[in-house]
Amino acid sequence: MDAHQFEPLWTVGDVALFLNVPVHTLYGWRTKNYGPPARRVGKHLRYLPSEVRSWFENLLEEAA
């Protein structure tokens, strides 16, 4: 990816849709230091899509 091109950040709702889990589950995972990495932007959580995909792919490797 070019340094001047960025994927739009994902919201909690976007990540929940991608993973097919409730939003509440993502918040619960955060309290347990589990789940894809997120960043605070003001009072909002935002996710880099590439990091969410990488986190998910690592789950598949661990389960194999």
Protein backbone atom coordinates (compact mmCIF):
# COMPACT_ATOMS: atom_id res chain seq x y z
CA MET A 1 0.00 0.00 0.00
CA ASP A 2 1.34 3.43 -0.92
CA ALA A 3 2.16 5.63 2.06
CA HIS A 4 -0.30 8.21 0.74
CA GLN A 5 -3.14 5.74 0.27
CA PHE A 6 -5.04 4.48 3.29
CA GLU A 7 -7.98 2.15 3.60
CA PRO A 8 -10.89 3.79 5.40
CA LEU A 9 -10.89 2.87 9.08
CA TRP A 10 -13.56 0.46 10.26
CA THR A 11 -16.02 1.20 13.03
CA VAL A 12 -17.03 -1.30 15.70
CA GLY A 13 -20.12 -2.02 13.59
CA ASP A 14 -17.99 -2.72 10.51
CA VAL A 15 -15.80 -5.17 12.41
CA ALA A 16 -18.85 -6.87 13.94
CA LEU A 17 -20.30 -7.36 10.45
CA PHE A 18 -17.00 -8.69 9.09
CA LEU A 19 -16.63 -11.19 11.96
CA ASN A 20 -20.37 -11.91 12.15
CA VAL A 21 -20.49 -11.23 15.90
CA PRO A 22 -22.58 -8.76 17.93
CA VAL A 23 -21.06 -5.35 18.67
CA HIS A 24 -21.43 -6.14 22.36
CA THR A 25 -19.07 -9.10 21.88
CA LEU A 26 -16.32 -6.82 20.55
CA TYR A 27 -16.63 -4.56 23.58
CA GLY A 28 -16.50 -7.60 25.86
CA TRP A 29 -13.38 -8.89 24.12
CA ARG A 30 -11.67 -5.54 24.67
CA THR A 31 -12.21 -5.80 28.42
CA LYS A 32 -10.47 -9.21 28.27
CA ASN A 33 -7.58 -8.01 26.05
CA TYR A 34 -8.82 -10.22 23.23
CA GLY A 35 -9.94 -9.46 19.71
CA PRO A 36 -8.53 -7.39 16.89
CA PRO A 37 -6.46 -4.33 17.82
CA ALA A 38 -8.35 -1.04 17.92
CA ARG A 39 -7.37 2.58 18.36
CA ARG A 40 -9.18 5.41 20.02
CA VAL A 41 -9.95 8.39 17.82
CA GLY A 42 -11.41 10.81 20.32
CA LYS A 43 -14.12 8.82 22.03
CA HIS A 44 -14.54 6.39 19.13
CA LEU A 45 -12.87 3.05 18.43
CA ARG A 46 -11.44 2.56 14.97
CA TYR A 47 -9.84 -0.46 13.36
CA LEU A 48 -7.40 -0.87 10.48
CA PRO A 49 -9.01 -3.41 8.14
CA SER A 50 -5.64 -5.06 7.44
CA GLU A 51 -5.07 -5.64 11.18
CA VAL A 52 -8.56 -7.13 11.62
CA ARG A 53 -7.94 -9.50 8.70
CA SER A 54 -4.51 -10.44 10.06
CA TRP A 55 -5.93 -11.10 13.54
CA PHE A 56 -8.62 -13.32 12.00
CA GLU A 57 -6.12 -15.22 9.83
CA ASN A 58 -3.98 -15.92 12.90
CA LEU A 59 -7.02 -17.44 14.60
CA LEU A 60 -7.35 -19.88 11.73
CA GLU A 61 -3.65 -20.83 11.96
CA GLU A 62 -3.89 -21.40 15.73
CA ALA A 63 -6.95 -23.64 15.32
CA ALA A 64 -5.28 -25.80 12.66
